[in-house]
Amino acid sequence: ILNNPAKKSMFTVDERIEMLRHACQVL
């Protein structure tokens, strides 16, 4: 996950990591 502080995001990097880890837990 690209951490680009200049880009306005809906979710923080930590939130995106959490969501992706949950979604990828079967892999």
mmCIF file of all heavy atoms, coordinates in Angstrom:
data_MODEL
# 
_entry.id   MODEL 
# 
loop_
_atom_site.group_PDB 
_atom_site.id 
_atom_site.type_symbol 
_atom_site.label_atom_id 
_atom_site.label_alt_id 
_atom_site.label_comp_id 
_atom_site.label_asym_id 
_atom_site.label_entity_id 
_atom_site.label_seq_id 
_atom_site.pdbx_PDB_ins_code 
_atom_site.Cartn_x 
_atom_site.Cartn_y 
_atom_site.Cartn_z 
_atom_site.occupancy 
_atom_site.B_iso_or_equiv 
_atom_site.pdbx_formal_charge 
_atom_site.auth_seq_id 
_atom_site.auth_comp_id 
_atom_site.auth_asym_id 
_atom_site.auth_atom_id 
_atom_site.pdbx_PDB_model_num 
ATOM 1   N N   . ILE A 1 1  ? 0.850   -1.189  0.000  1.00 0.00 ? 1  ILE A N   1 
ATOM 2   C CA  . ILE A 1 1  ? 0.000   0.000   0.000  1.00 0.00 ? 1  ILE A CA  1 
ATOM 3   C C   . ILE A 1 1  ? 0.882   1.233   0.000  1.00 0.00 ? 1  ILE A C   1 
ATOM 4   O O   . ILE A 1 1  ? 1.682   1.431   0.922  1.00 0.00 ? 1  ILE A O   1 
ATOM 5   C CB  . ILE A 1 1  ? -0.921  0.014   1.237  1.00 0.00 ? 1  ILE A CB  1 
ATOM 6   C CG1 . ILE A 1 1  ? -1.804  -1.241  1.251  1.00 0.00 ? 1  ILE A CG1 1 
ATOM 7   C CG2 . ILE A 1 1  ? -1.751  1.287   1.283  1.00 0.00 ? 1  ILE A CG2 1 
ATOM 8   C CD1 . ILE A 1 1  ? -2.568  -1.431  2.544  1.00 0.00 ? 1  ILE A CD1 1 
ATOM 9   N N   . LEU A 1 2  ? 0.725   2.051   -1.028 1.00 0.00 ? 2  LEU A N   1 
ATOM 10  C CA  . LEU A 1 2  ? 1.504   3.285   -1.111 1.00 0.00 ? 2  LEU A CA  1 
ATOM 11  C C   . LEU A 1 2  ? 1.039   4.254   -0.040 1.00 0.00 ? 2  LEU A C   1 
ATOM 12  O O   . LEU A 1 2  ? -0.141  4.587   0.051  1.00 0.00 ? 2  LEU A O   1 
ATOM 13  C CB  . LEU A 1 2  ? 1.354   3.924   -2.493 1.00 0.00 ? 2  LEU A CB  1 
ATOM 14  C CG  . LEU A 1 2  ? 2.047   5.272   -2.663 1.00 0.00 ? 2  LEU A CG  1 
ATOM 15  C CD1 . LEU A 1 2  ? 3.552   5.156   -2.462 1.00 0.00 ? 2  LEU A CD1 1 
ATOM 16  C CD2 . LEU A 1 2  ? 1.733   5.853   -4.032 1.00 0.00 ? 2  LEU A CD2 1 
ATOM 17  N N   . ASN A 1 3  ? 1.974   4.708   0.762  1.00 0.00 ? 3  ASN A N   1 
ATOM 18  C CA  . ASN A 1 3  ? 1.700   5.693   1.802  1.00 0.00 ? 3  ASN A CA  1 
ATOM 19  C C   . ASN A 1 3  ? 2.115   7.052   1.245  1.00 0.00 ? 3  ASN A C   1 
ATOM 20  O O   . ASN A 1 3  ? 3.284   7.409   1.269  1.00 0.00 ? 3  ASN A O   1 
ATOM 21  C CB  . ASN A 1 3  ? 2.491   5.351   3.076  1.00 0.00 ? 3  ASN A CB  1 
ATOM 22  C CG  . ASN A 1 3  ? 2.166   6.281   4.217  1.00 0.00 ? 3  ASN A CG  1 
ATOM 23  O OD1 . ASN A 1 3  ? 1.502   7.295   4.054  1.00 0.00 ? 3  ASN A OD1 1 
ATOM 24  N ND2 . ASN A 1 3  ? 2.655   5.936   5.391  1.00 0.00 ? 3  ASN A ND2 1 
ATOM 25  N N   . ASN A 1 4  ? 1.130   7.769   0.723  1.00 0.00 ? 4  ASN A N   1 
ATOM 26  C CA  . ASN A 1 4  ? 1.382   9.079   0.128  1.00 0.00 ? 4  ASN A CA  1 
ATOM 27  C C   . ASN A 1 4  ? 0.602   10.124  0.919  1.00 0.00 ? 4  ASN A C   1 
ATOM 28  O O   . ASN A 1 4  ? -0.577  10.343  0.664  1.00 0.00 ? 4  ASN A O   1 
ATOM 29  C CB  . ASN A 1 4  ? 0.960   9.081   -1.338 1.00 0.00 ? 4  ASN A CB  1 
ATOM 30  C CG  . ASN A 1 4  ? 1.234   10.395  -2.031 1.00 0.00 ? 4  ASN A CG  1 
ATOM 31  O OD1 . ASN A 1 4  ? 1.657   11.369  -1.410 1.00 0.00 ? 4  ASN A OD1 1 
ATOM 32  N ND2 . ASN A 1 4  ? 0.997   10.430  -3.325 1.00 0.00 ? 4  ASN A ND2 1 
ATOM 33  N N   . PRO A 1 5  ? 1.245   10.772  1.892  1.00 0.00 ? 5  PRO A N   1 
ATOM 34  C CA  . PRO A 1 5  ? 0.541   11.733  2.751  1.00 0.00 ? 5  PRO A CA  1 
ATOM 35  C C   . PRO A 1 5  ? -0.055  12.913  1.975  1.00 0.00 ? 5  PRO A C   1 
ATOM 36  O O   . PRO A 1 5  ? -0.993  13.547  2.455  1.00 0.00 ? 5  PRO A O   1 
ATOM 37  C CB  . PRO A 1 5  ? 1.626   12.222  3.717  1.00 0.00 ? 5  PRO A CB  1 
ATOM 38  C CG  . PRO A 1 5  ? 2.737   11.248  3.615  1.00 0.00 ? 5  PRO A CG  1 
ATOM 39  C CD  . PRO A 1 5  ? 2.639   10.616  2.260  1.00 0.00 ? 5  PRO A CD  1 
ATOM 40  N N   . ALA A 1 6  ? 0.452   13.191  0.799  1.00 0.00 ? 6  ALA A N   1 
ATOM 41  C CA  . ALA A 1 6  ? -0.059  14.313  0.011  1.00 0.00 ? 6  ALA A CA  1 
ATOM 42  C C   . ALA A 1 6  ? -1.407  13.998  -0.631 1.00 0.00 ? 6  ALA A C   1 
ATOM 43  O O   . ALA A 1 6  ? -2.127  14.900  -1.045 1.00 0.00 ? 6  ALA A O   1 
ATOM 44  C CB  . ALA A 1 6  ? 0.950   14.689  -1.069 1.00 0.00 ? 6  ALA A CB  1 
ATOM 45  N N   . LYS A 1 7  ? -1.746  12.725  -0.726 1.00 0.00 ? 7  LYS A N   1 
ATOM 46  C CA  . LYS A 1 7  ? -2.987  12.310  -1.374 1.00 0.00 ? 7  LYS A CA  1 
ATOM 47  C C   . LYS A 1 7  ? -4.120  12.239  -0.351 1.00 0.00 ? 7  LYS A C   1 
ATOM 48  O O   . LYS A 1 7  ? -3.972  11.658  0.713  1.00 0.00 ? 7  LYS A O   1 
ATOM 49  C CB  . LYS A 1 7  ? -2.789  10.939  -2.035 1.00 0.00 ? 7  LYS A CB  1 
ATOM 50  C CG  . LYS A 1 7  ? -3.934  10.508  -2.915 1.00 0.00 ? 7  LYS A CG  1 
ATOM 51  C CD  . LYS A 1 7  ? -3.590  9.226   -3.642 1.00 0.00 ? 7  LYS A CD  1 
ATOM 52  C CE  . LYS A 1 7  ? -4.752  8.786   -4.497 1.00 0.00 ? 7  LYS A CE  1 
ATOM 53  N NZ  . LYS A 1 7  ? -4.490  7.530   -5.176 1.00 0.00 ? 7  LYS A NZ  1 
ATOM 54  N N   . LYS A 1 8  ? -5.250  12.844  -0.687 1.00 0.00 ? 8  LYS A N   1 
ATOM 55  C CA  . LYS A 1 8  ? -6.425  12.797  0.191  1.00 0.00 ? 8  LYS A CA  1 
ATOM 56  C C   . LYS A 1 8  ? -7.088  11.432  0.039  1.00 0.00 ? 8  LYS A C   1 
ATOM 57  O O   . LYS A 1 8  ? -7.535  11.056  -1.030 1.00 0.00 ? 8  LYS A O   1 
ATOM 58  C CB  . LYS A 1 8  ? -7.405  13.909  -0.184 1.00 0.00 ? 8  LYS A CB  1 
ATOM 59  C CG  . LYS A 1 8  ? -8.685  13.875  0.612  1.00 0.00 ? 8  LYS A CG  1 
ATOM 60  C CD  . LYS A 1 8  ? -8.970  15.199  1.267  1.00 0.00 ? 8  LYS A CD  1 
ATOM 61  C CE  . LYS A 1 8  ? -10.332 15.231  1.907  1.00 0.00 ? 8  LYS A CE  1 
ATOM 62  N NZ  . LYS A 1 8  ? -10.436 14.448  3.104  1.00 0.00 ? 8  LYS A NZ  1 
ATOM 63  N N   . SER A 1 9  ? -7.138  10.694  1.132  1.00 0.00 ? 9  SER A N   1 
ATOM 64  C CA  . SER A 1 9  ? -7.689  9.349   1.113  1.00 0.00 ? 9  SER A CA  1 
ATOM 65  C C   . SER A 1 9  ? -8.892  9.255   2.035  1.00 0.00 ? 9  SER A C   1 
ATOM 66  O O   . SER A 1 9  ? -9.005  9.992   3.010  1.00 0.00 ? 9  SER A O   1 
ATOM 67  C CB  . SER A 1 9  ? -6.631  8.342   1.587  1.00 0.00 ? 9  SER A CB  1 
ATOM 68  O OG  . SER A 1 9  ? -5.506  8.367   0.742  1.00 0.00 ? 9  SER A OG  1 
ATOM 69  N N   . MET A 1 10 ? -9.781  8.316   1.722  1.00 0.00 ? 10 MET A N   1 
ATOM 70  C CA  . MET A 1 10 ? -10.922 8.054   2.593  1.00 0.00 ? 10 MET A CA  1 
ATOM 71  C C   . MET A 1 10 ? -10.464 7.336   3.854  1.00 0.00 ? 10 MET A C   1 
ATOM 72  O O   . MET A 1 10 ? -10.961 7.604   4.940  1.00 0.00 ? 10 MET A O   1 
ATOM 73  C CB  . MET A 1 10 ? -11.977 7.214   1.858  1.00 0.00 ? 10 MET A CB  1 
ATOM 74  C CG  . MET A 1 10 ? -13.165 6.828   2.733  1.00 0.00 ? 10 MET A CG  1 
ATOM 75  S SD  . MET A 1 10 ? -14.415 5.875   1.851  1.00 0.00 ? 10 MET A SD  1 
ATOM 76  C CE  . MET A 1 10 ? -15.542 7.192   1.399  1.00 0.00 ? 10 MET A CE  1 
ATOM 77  N N   . PHE A 1 11 ? -9.509  6.417   3.692  1.00 0.00 ? 11 PHE A N   1 
ATOM 78  C CA  . PHE A 1 11 ? -9.027  5.612   4.800  1.00 0.00 ? 11 PHE A CA  1 
ATOM 79  C C   . PHE A 1 11 ? -7.549  5.871   5.051  1.00 0.00 ? 11 PHE A C   1 
ATOM 80  O O   . PHE A 1 11 ? -6.787  6.096   4.114  1.00 0.00 ? 11 PHE A O   1 
ATOM 81  C CB  . PHE A 1 11 ? -9.232  4.115   4.512  1.00 0.00 ? 11 PHE A CB  1 
ATOM 82  C CG  . PHE A 1 11 ? -10.676 3.722   4.432  1.00 0.00 ? 11 PHE A CG  1 
ATOM 83  C CD1 . PHE A 1 11 ? -11.308 3.594   3.206  1.00 0.00 ? 11 PHE A CD1 1 
ATOM 84  C CD2 . PHE A 1 11 ? -11.414 3.483   5.586  1.00 0.00 ? 11 PHE A CD2 1 
ATOM 85  C CE1 . PHE A 1 11 ? -12.647 3.238   3.128  1.00 0.00 ? 11 PHE A CE1 1 
ATOM 86  C CE2 . PHE A 1 11 ? -12.751 3.124   5.513  1.00 0.00 ? 11 PHE A CE2 1 
ATOM 87  C CZ  . PHE A 1 11 ? -13.369 3.000   4.285  1.00 0.00 ? 11 PHE A CZ  1 
ATOM 88  N N   . THR A 1 12 ? -7.150  5.799   6.312  1.00 0.00 ? 12 THR A N   1 
ATOM 89  C CA  . THR A 1 12 ? -5.734  5.926   6.646  1.00 0.00 ? 12 THR A CA  1 
ATOM 90  C C   . THR A 1 12 ? -4.995  4.697   6.136  1.00 0.00 ? 12 THR A C   1 
ATOM 91  O O   . THR A 1 12 ? -5.617  3.663   5.835  1.00 0.00 ? 12 THR A O   1 
ATOM 92  C CB  . THR A 1 12 ? -5.526  6.036   8.170  1.00 0.00 ? 12 THR A CB  1 
ATOM 93  O OG1 . THR A 1 12 ? -5.887  4.782   8.771  1.00 0.00 ? 12 THR A OG1 1 
ATOM 94  C CG2 . THR A 1 12 ? -6.327  7.194   8.767  1.00 0.00 ? 12 THR A CG2 1 
ATOM 95  N N   . VAL A 1 13 ? -3.691  4.781   6.087  1.00 0.00 ? 13 VAL A N   1 
ATOM 96  C CA  . VAL A 1 13 ? -2.886  3.627   5.687  1.00 0.00 ? 13 VAL A CA  1 
ATOM 97  C C   . VAL A 1 13 ? -3.120  2.476   6.647  1.00 0.00 ? 13 VAL A C   1 
ATOM 98  O O   . VAL A 1 13 ? -3.276  1.329   6.212  1.00 0.00 ? 13 VAL A O   1 
ATOM 99  C CB  . VAL A 1 13 ? -1.391  4.000   5.608  1.00 0.00 ? 13 VAL A CB  1 
ATOM 100 C CG1 . VAL A 1 13 ? -0.525  2.772   5.398  1.00 0.00 ? 13 VAL A CG1 1 
ATOM 101 C CG2 . VAL A 1 13 ? -1.155  4.996   4.481  1.00 0.00 ? 13 VAL A CG2 1 
ATOM 102 N N   . ASP A 1 14 ? -3.165  2.752   7.940  1.00 0.00 ? 14 ASP A N   1 
ATOM 103 C CA  . ASP A 1 14 ? -3.401  1.678   8.919  1.00 0.00 ? 14 ASP A CA  1 
ATOM 104 C C   . ASP A 1 14 ? -4.759  1.005   8.714  1.00 0.00 ? 14 ASP A C   1 
ATOM 105 O O   . ASP A 1 14 ? -4.876  -0.220  8.828  1.00 0.00 ? 14 ASP A O   1 
ATOM 106 C CB  . ASP A 1 14 ? -3.291  2.212   10.348 1.00 0.00 ? 14 ASP A CB  1 
ATOM 107 C CG  . ASP A 1 14 ? -1.854  2.539   10.741 1.00 0.00 ? 14 ASP A CG  1 
ATOM 108 O OD1 . ASP A 1 14 ? -0.924  2.025   10.090 1.00 0.00 ? 14 ASP A OD1 1 
ATOM 109 O OD2 . ASP A 1 14 ? -1.669  3.320   11.699 1.00 0.00 ? 14 ASP A OD2 1 
ATOM 110 N N   . GLU A 1 15 ? -5.787  1.797   8.388  1.00 0.00 ? 15 GLU A N   1 
ATOM 111 C CA  . GLU A 1 15 ? -7.110  1.217   8.121  1.00 0.00 ? 15 GLU A CA  1 
ATOM 112 C C   . GLU A 1 15 ? -7.070  0.341   6.873  1.00 0.00 ? 15 GLU A C   1 
ATOM 113 O O   . GLU A 1 15 ? -7.666  -0.742  6.841  1.00 0.00 ? 15 GLU A O   1 
ATOM 114 C CB  . GLU A 1 15 ? -8.154  2.317   7.950  1.00 0.00 ? 15 GLU A CB  1 
ATOM 115 C CG  . GLU A 1 15 ? -8.516  3.037   9.229  1.00 0.00 ? 15 GLU A CG  1 
ATOM 116 C CD  . GLU A 1 15 ? -9.395  4.256   9.000  1.00 0.00 ? 15 GLU A CD  1 
ATOM 117 O OE1 . GLU A 1 15 ? -9.176  5.005   8.007  1.00 0.00 ? 15 GLU A OE1 1 
ATOM 118 O OE2 . GLU A 1 15 ? -10.308 4.467   9.830  1.00 0.00 ? 15 GLU A OE2 1 
ATOM 119 N N   . ARG A 1 16 ? -6.362  0.803   5.842  1.00 0.00 ? 16 ARG A N   1 
ATOM 120 C CA  . ARG A 1 16 ? -6.263  0.019   4.600  1.00 0.00 ? 16 ARG A CA  1 
ATOM 121 C C   . ARG A 1 16 ? -5.498  -1.276  4.834  1.00 0.00 ? 16 ARG A C   1 
ATOM 122 O O   . ARG A 1 16 ? -5.868  -2.329  4.305  1.00 0.00 ? 16 ARG A O   1 
ATOM 123 C CB  . ARG A 1 16 ? -5.624  0.851   3.489  1.00 0.00 ? 16 ARG A CB  1 
ATOM 124 C CG  . ARG A 1 16 ? -6.575  1.924   2.983  1.00 0.00 ? 16 ARG A CG  1 
ATOM 125 C CD  . ARG A 1 16 ? -5.959  2.747   1.891  1.00 0.00 ? 16 ARG A CD  1 
ATOM 126 N NE  . ARG A 1 16 ? -5.285  3.901   2.497  1.00 0.00 ? 16 ARG A NE  1 
ATOM 127 C CZ  . ARG A 1 16 ? -4.348  4.621   1.912  1.00 0.00 ? 16 ARG A CZ  1 
ATOM 128 N NH1 . ARG A 1 16 ? -3.933  4.321   0.707  1.00 0.00 ? 16 ARG A NH1 1 
ATOM 129 N NH2 . ARG A 1 16 ? -3.811  5.651   2.524  1.00 0.00 ? 16 ARG A NH2 1 
ATOM 130 N N   . ILE A 1 17 ? -4.429  -1.204  5.641  1.00 0.00 ? 17 ILE A N   1 
ATOM 131 C CA  . ILE A 1 17 ? -3.681  -2.424  5.973  1.00 0.00 ? 17 ILE A CA  1 
ATOM 132 C C   . ILE A 1 17 ? -4.604  -3.406  6.688  1.00 0.00 ? 17 ILE A C   1 
ATOM 133 O O   . ILE A 1 17 ? -4.652  -4.591  6.349  1.00 0.00 ? 17 ILE A O   1 
ATOM 134 C CB  . ILE A 1 17 ? -2.446  -2.097  6.844  1.00 0.00 ? 17 ILE A CB  1 
ATOM 135 C CG1 . ILE A 1 17 ? -1.377  -1.384  6.013  1.00 0.00 ? 17 ILE A CG1 1 
ATOM 136 C CG2 . ILE A 1 17 ? -1.870  -3.361  7.483  1.00 0.00 ? 17 ILE A CG2 1 
ATOM 137 C CD1 . ILE A 1 17 ? -0.222  -0.828  6.825  1.00 0.00 ? 17 ILE A CD1 1 
ATOM 138 N N   . GLU A 1 18 ? -5.333  -2.919  7.676  1.00 0.00 ? 18 GLU A N   1 
ATOM 139 C CA  . GLU A 1 18 ? -6.247  -3.785  8.438  1.00 0.00 ? 18 GLU A CA  1 
ATOM 140 C C   . GLU A 1 18 ? -7.294  -4.425  7.525  1.00 0.00 ? 18 GLU A C   1 
ATOM 141 O O   . GLU A 1 18 ? -7.546  -5.637  7.600  1.00 0.00 ? 18 GLU A O   1 
ATOM 142 C CB  . GLU A 1 18 ? -6.933  -2.960  9.524  1.00 0.00 ? 18 GLU A CB  1 
ATOM 143 C CG  . GLU A 1 18 ? -7.957  -3.733  10.325 1.00 0.00 ? 18 GLU A CG  1 
ATOM 144 C CD  . GLU A 1 18 ? -8.797  -2.832  11.229 1.00 0.00 ? 18 GLU A CD  1 
ATOM 145 O OE1 . GLU A 1 18 ? -8.292  -1.775  11.663 1.00 0.00 ? 18 GLU A OE1 1 
ATOM 146 O OE2 . GLU A 1 18 ? -9.964  -3.189  11.471 1.00 0.00 ? 18 GLU A OE2 1 
ATOM 147 N N   . MET A 1 19 ? -7.909  -3.625  6.648  1.00 0.00 ? 19 MET A N   1 
ATOM 148 C CA  . MET A 1 19 ? -8.948  -4.162  5.756  1.00 0.00 ? 19 MET A CA  1 
ATOM 149 C C   . MET A 1 19 ? -8.368  -5.201  4.801  1.00 0.00 ? 19 MET A C   1 
ATOM 150 O O   . MET A 1 19 ? -8.982  -6.252  4.572  1.00 0.00 ? 19 MET A O   1 
ATOM 151 C CB  . MET A 1 19 ? -9.619  -3.030  4.976  1.00 0.00 ? 19 MET A CB  1 
ATOM 152 C CG  . MET A 1 19 ? -10.508 -2.158  5.836  1.00 0.00 ? 19 MET A CG  1 
ATOM 153 S SD  . MET A 1 19 ? -11.439 -0.907  4.901  1.00 0.00 ? 19 MET A SD  1 
ATOM 154 C CE  . MET A 1 19 ? -10.138 0.204   4.381  1.00 0.00 ? 19 MET A CE  1 
ATOM 155 N N   . LEU A 1 20 ? -7.197  -4.914  4.245  1.00 0.00 ? 20 LEU A N   1 
ATOM 156 C CA  . LEU A 1 20 ? -6.580  -5.856  3.308  1.00 0.00 ? 20 LEU A CA  1 
ATOM 157 C C   . LEU A 1 20 ? -6.118  -7.130  4.003  1.00 0.00 ? 20 LEU A C   1 
ATOM 158 O O   . LEU A 1 20 ? -6.285  -8.224  3.460  1.00 0.00 ? 20 LEU A O   1 
ATOM 159 C CB  . LEU A 1 20 ? -5.403  -5.197  2.583  1.00 0.00 ? 20 LEU A CB  1 
ATOM 160 C CG  . LEU A 1 20 ? -5.749  -4.645  1.212  1.00 0.00 ? 20 LEU A CG  1 
ATOM 161 C CD1 . LEU A 1 20 ? -4.704  -3.675  0.729  1.00 0.00 ? 20 LEU A CD1 1 
ATOM 162 C CD2 . LEU A 1 20 ? -5.947  -5.761  0.216  1.00 0.00 ? 20 LEU A CD2 1 
ATOM 163 N N   . ARG A 1 21 ? -5.546  -6.993  5.179  1.00 0.00 ? 21 ARG A N   1 
ATOM 164 C CA  . ARG A 1 21 ? -5.119  -8.199  5.901  1.00 0.00 ? 21 ARG A CA  1 
ATOM 165 C C   . ARG A 1 21 ? -6.318  -9.092  6.211  1.00 0.00 ? 21 ARG A C   1 
ATOM 166 O O   . ARG A 1 21 ? -6.241  -10.313 6.078  1.00 0.00 ? 21 ARG A O   1 
ATOM 167 C CB  . ARG A 1 21 ? -4.374  -7.827  7.182  1.00 0.00 ? 21 ARG A CB  1 
ATOM 168 C CG  . ARG A 1 21 ? -2.958  -7.371  6.903  1.00 0.00 ? 21 ARG A CG  1 
ATOM 169 C CD  . ARG A 1 21 ? -2.180  -7.066  8.152  1.00 0.00 ? 21 ARG A CD  1 
ATOM 170 N NE  . ARG A 1 21 ? -0.817  -6.691  7.795  1.00 0.00 ? 21 ARG A NE  1 
ATOM 171 C CZ  . ARG A 1 21 ? -0.012  -5.997  8.583  1.00 0.00 ? 21 ARG A CZ  1 
ATOM 172 N NH1 . ARG A 1 21 ? -0.414  -5.620  9.793  1.00 0.00 ? 21 ARG A NH1 1 
ATOM 173 N NH2 . ARG A 1 21 ? 1.198   -5.689  8.166  1.00 0.00 ? 21 ARG A NH2 1 
ATOM 174 N N   . HIS A 1 22 ? -7.423  -8.488  6.597  1.00 0.00 ? 22 HIS A N   1 
ATOM 175 C CA  . HIS A 1 22 ? -8.629  -9.268  6.866  1.00 0.00 ? 22 HIS A CA  1 
ATOM 176 C C   . HIS A 1 22 ? -9.113  -9.951  5.581  1.00 0.00 ? 22 HIS A C   1 
ATOM 177 O O   . HIS A 1 22 ? -9.445  -11.137 5.588  1.00 0.00 ? 22 HIS A O   1 
ATOM 178 C CB  . HIS A 1 22 ? -9.722  -8.378  7.456  1.00 0.00 ? 22 HIS A CB  1 
ATOM 179 C CG  . HIS A 1 22 ? -10.949 -9.132  7.841  1.00 0.00 ? 22 HIS A CG  1 
ATOM 180 N ND1 . HIS A 1 22 ? -11.983 -9.372  6.960  1.00 0.00 ? 22 HIS A ND1 1 
ATOM 181 C CD2 . HIS A 1 22 ? -11.303 -9.726  9.008  1.00 0.00 ? 22 HIS A CD2 1 
ATOM 182 C CE1 . HIS A 1 22 ? -12.915 -10.077 7.565  1.00 0.00 ? 22 HIS A CE1 1 
ATOM 183 N NE2 . HIS A 1 22 ? -12.534 -10.300 8.809  1.00 0.00 ? 22 HIS A NE2 1 
ATOM 184 N N   . ALA A 1 23 ? -9.147  -9.207  4.491  1.00 0.00 ? 23 ALA A N   1 
ATOM 185 C CA  . ALA A 1 23 ? -9.631  -9.754  3.219  1.00 0.00 ? 23 ALA A CA  1 
ATOM 186 C C   . ALA A 1 23 ? -8.704  -10.832 2.663  1.00 0.00 ? 23 ALA A C   1 
ATOM 187 O O   . ALA A 1 23 ? -9.152  -11.715 1.927  1.00 0.00 ? 23 ALA A O   1 
ATOM 188 C CB  . ALA A 1 23 ? -9.794  -8.625  2.198  1.00 0.00 ? 23 ALA A CB  1 
ATOM 189 N N   . CYS A 1 24 ? -7.415  -10.793 3.018  1.00 0.00 ? 24 CYS A N   1 
ATOM 190 C CA  . CYS A 1 24 ? -6.428  -11.744 2.485  1.00 0.00 ? 24 CYS A CA  1 
ATOM 191 C C   . CYS A 1 24 ? -6.096  -12.876 3.459  1.00 0.00 ? 24 CYS A C   1 
ATOM 192 O O   . CYS A 1 24 ? -5.210  -13.688 3.176  1.00 0.00 ? 24 CYS A O   1 
ATOM 193 C CB  . CYS A 1 24 ? -5.136  -11.006 2.128  1.00 0.00 ? 24 CYS A CB  1 
ATOM 194 S SG  . CYS A 1 24 ? -5.290  -9.848  0.775  1.00 0.00 ? 24 CYS A SG  1 
ATOM 195 N N   . GLN A 1 25 ? -6.802  -12.953 4.572  1.00 0.00 ? 25 GLN A N   1 
ATOM 196 C CA  . GLN A 1 25 ? -6.423  -13.913 5.609  1.00 0.00 ? 25 GLN A CA  1 
ATOM 197 C C   . GLN A 1 25 ? -6.467  -15.367 5.151  1.00 0.00 ? 25 GLN A C   1 
ATOM 198 O O   . GLN A 1 25 ? -5.786  -16.211 5.730  1.00 0.00 ? 25 GLN A O   1 
ATOM 199 C CB  . GLN A 1 25 ? -7.259  -13.716 6.866  1.00 0.00 ? 25 GLN A CB  1 
ATOM 200 C CG  . GLN A 1 25 ? -8.728  -13.986 6.714  1.00 0.00 ? 25 GLN A CG  1 
ATOM 201 C CD  . GLN A 1 25 ? -9.518  -13.578 7.953  1.00 0.00 ? 25 GLN A CD  1 
ATOM 202 O OE1 . GLN A 1 25 ? -8.943  -13.235 8.981  1.00 0.00 ? 25 GLN A OE1 1 
ATOM 203 N NE2 . GLN A 1 25 ? -10.826 -13.611 7.845  1.00 0.00 ? 25 GLN A NE2 1 
ATOM 204 N N   . VAL A 1 26 ? -7.203  -15.680 4.108  1.00 0.00 ? 26 VAL A N   1 
ATOM 205 C CA  . VAL A 1 26 ? -7.268  -17.061 3.610  1.00 0.00 ? 26 VAL A CA  1 
ATOM 206 C C   . VAL A 1 26 ? -6.134  -17.379 2.639  1.00 0.00 ? 26 VAL A C   1 
ATOM 207 O O   . VAL A 1 26 ? -6.047  -18.495 2.143  1.00 0.00 ? 26 VAL A O   1 
ATOM 208 C CB  . VAL A 1 26 ? -8.632  -17.351 2.930  1.00 0.00 ? 26 VAL A CB  1 
ATOM 209 C CG1 . VAL A 1 26 ? -9.779  -17.204 3.914  1.00 0.00 ? 26 VAL A CG1 1 
ATOM 210 C CG2 . VAL A 1 26 ? -8.830  -16.475 1.709  1.00 0.00 ? 26 VAL A CG2 1 
ATOM 211 N N   . LEU A 1 27 ? -5.268  -16.410 2.385  1.00 0.00 ? 27 LEU A N   1 
ATOM 212 C CA  . LEU A 1 27 ? -4.164  -16.594 1.441  1.00 0.00 ? 27 LEU A CA  1 
ATOM 213 C C   . LEU A 1 27 ? -2.843  -16.614 2.213  1.00 0.00 ? 27 LEU A C   1 
ATOM 214 O O   . LEU A 1 27 ? -2.291  -15.558 2.522  1.00 0.00 ? 27 LEU A O   1 
ATOM 215 C CB  . LEU A 1 27 ? -4.171  -15.471 0.402  1.00 0.00 ? 27 LEU A CB  1 
ATOM 216 C CG  . LEU A 1 27 ? -5.441  -15.353 -0.432 1.00 0.00 ? 27 LEU A CG  1 
ATOM 217 C CD1 . LEU A 1 27 ? -5.469  -14.047 -1.203 1.00 0.00 ? 27 LEU A CD1 1 
ATOM 218 C CD2 . LEU A 1 27 ? -5.557  -16.540 -1.380 1.00 0.00 ? 27 LEU A CD2 1 
# 
